Amino acid sequence: MLVLAIYLTPFGIFSPCTRQLYIETDENLKTTVEGIYAAGDVRKCSLKQVVAASSDGAVAATSAGEYLESLREQDEAGI
């Protein structure tokens, strides 16, 4: 699995963010940009604690893995 760190500008080029520059995610840490997940202190609802950021990382990695698997299955099915 490839994990990228993306530089986020105040203009929200990669994902819309709040005025405080936090990224909004759903419960699976998916942003509004397909295939992009956010974890840790950059999230709007983050607790700003190391243990929470670690947990976010695990959730985001799992969600991203499931997303990549769904793409592979679609590719194999010719969708």
Protein backbone atom coordinates (compact mmCIF):
# COMPACT_ATOMS: atom_id res chain seq x y z
CA MET A 1 0.00 0.00 0.00
CA LEU A 2 1.30 3.44 -0.92
CA VAL A 3 0.70 6.20 1.62
CA LEU A 4 1.24 9.75 0.46
CA ALA A 5 1.45 12.94 2.46
CA ILE A 6 -0.13 15.74 0.48
CA TYR A 7 0.62 19.38 1.08
CA LEU A 8 -2.66 21.14 1.77
CA THR A 9 -2.93 24.77 0.79
CA PRO A 10 -5.28 27.26 2.47
CA PHE A 11 -7.29 27.20 -0.75
CA GLY A 12 -8.34 23.60 -0.22
CA ILE A 13 -6.99 22.42 -3.56
CA PHE A 14 -6.98 18.79 -2.48
CA SER A 15 -9.99 18.82 -0.20
CA PRO A 16 -12.36 21.46 1.13
CA CYS A 17 -11.37 22.57 4.59
CA THR A 18 -12.79 24.74 7.32
CA ARG A 19 -11.74 28.32 8.04
CA GLN A 20 -9.33 26.88 10.61
CA LEU A 21 -7.80 24.78 7.79
CA TYR A 22 -9.09 21.46 9.13
CA ILE A 23 -10.14 18.81 6.62
CA GLU A 24 -13.67 17.48 6.86
CA THR A 25 -14.03 13.69 6.64
CA ASP A 26 -16.73 11.08 6.99
CA GLU A 27 -16.65 8.28 9.59
CA ASN A 28 -14.19 6.32 7.42
CA LEU A 29 -11.90 9.39 7.20
CA LYS A 30 -12.69 9.81 3.51
CA THR A 31 -12.57 13.38 2.20
CA THR A 32 -14.78 14.77 -0.55
CA VAL A 33 -11.97 13.99 -3.02
CA GLU A 34 -12.22 10.41 -4.27
CA GLY A 35 -9.39 8.24 -2.99
CA ILE A 36 -8.09 10.83 -0.51
CA TYR A 37 -8.27 10.16 3.23
CA ALA A 38 -7.25 12.41 6.12
CA ALA A 39 -6.09 11.41 9.59
CA GLY A 40 -4.77 13.01 12.74
CA ASP A 41 -4.59 16.66 13.68
CA VAL A 42 -5.57 17.90 10.21
CA ARG A 43 -9.10 16.53 10.70
CA LYS A 44 -11.88 18.83 11.84
CA CYS A 45 -13.04 16.48 14.62
CA SER A 46 -9.61 15.40 15.83
CA LEU A 47 -8.95 15.22 19.57
CA LYS A 48 -5.40 16.52 18.96
CA GLN A 49 -3.87 13.62 20.89
CA VAL A 50 -1.23 11.14 19.75
CA VAL A 51 -3.40 8.13 20.53
CA ALA A 52 -6.30 9.57 18.52
CA ALA A 53 -4.01 10.37 15.58
CA SER A 54 -2.68 6.79 15.66
CA SER A 55 -6.21 5.45 15.65
CA ASP A 56 -7.14 7.77 12.79
CA GLY A 57 -4.16 6.47 10.84
CA ALA A 58 -5.33 2.88 11.26
CA VAL A 59 -8.89 3.75 10.19
CA ALA A 60 -7.69 5.78 7.20
CA ALA A 61 -5.29 3.02 6.11
CA THR A 62 -8.03 0.40 6.36
CA SER A 63 -10.48 2.58 4.44
CA ALA A 64 -7.89 3.36 1.77
CA GLY A 65 -7.08 -0.34 1.45
CA GLU A 66 -10.76 -1.18 0.98
CA TYR A 67 -11.04 1.57 -1.63
CA LEU A 68 -8.03 0.24 -3.55
CA GLU A 69 -9.41 -3.30 -3.37
CA SER A 70 -12.73 -2.10 -4.82
CA LEU A 71 -10.84 -0.45 -7.70
CA ARG A 72 -8.98 -3.71 -8.36
CA GLU A 73 -12.23 -5.68 -8.36
CA GLN A 74 -13.83 -3.18 -10.76
CA ASP A 75 -10.80 -3.42 -13.04
CA GLU A 76 -10.95 -7.22 -13.05
CA ALA A 77 -14.68 -7.12 -13.78
CA GLY A 78 -14.09 -4.68 -16.63
CA ILE A 79 -16.24 -1.98 -15.06
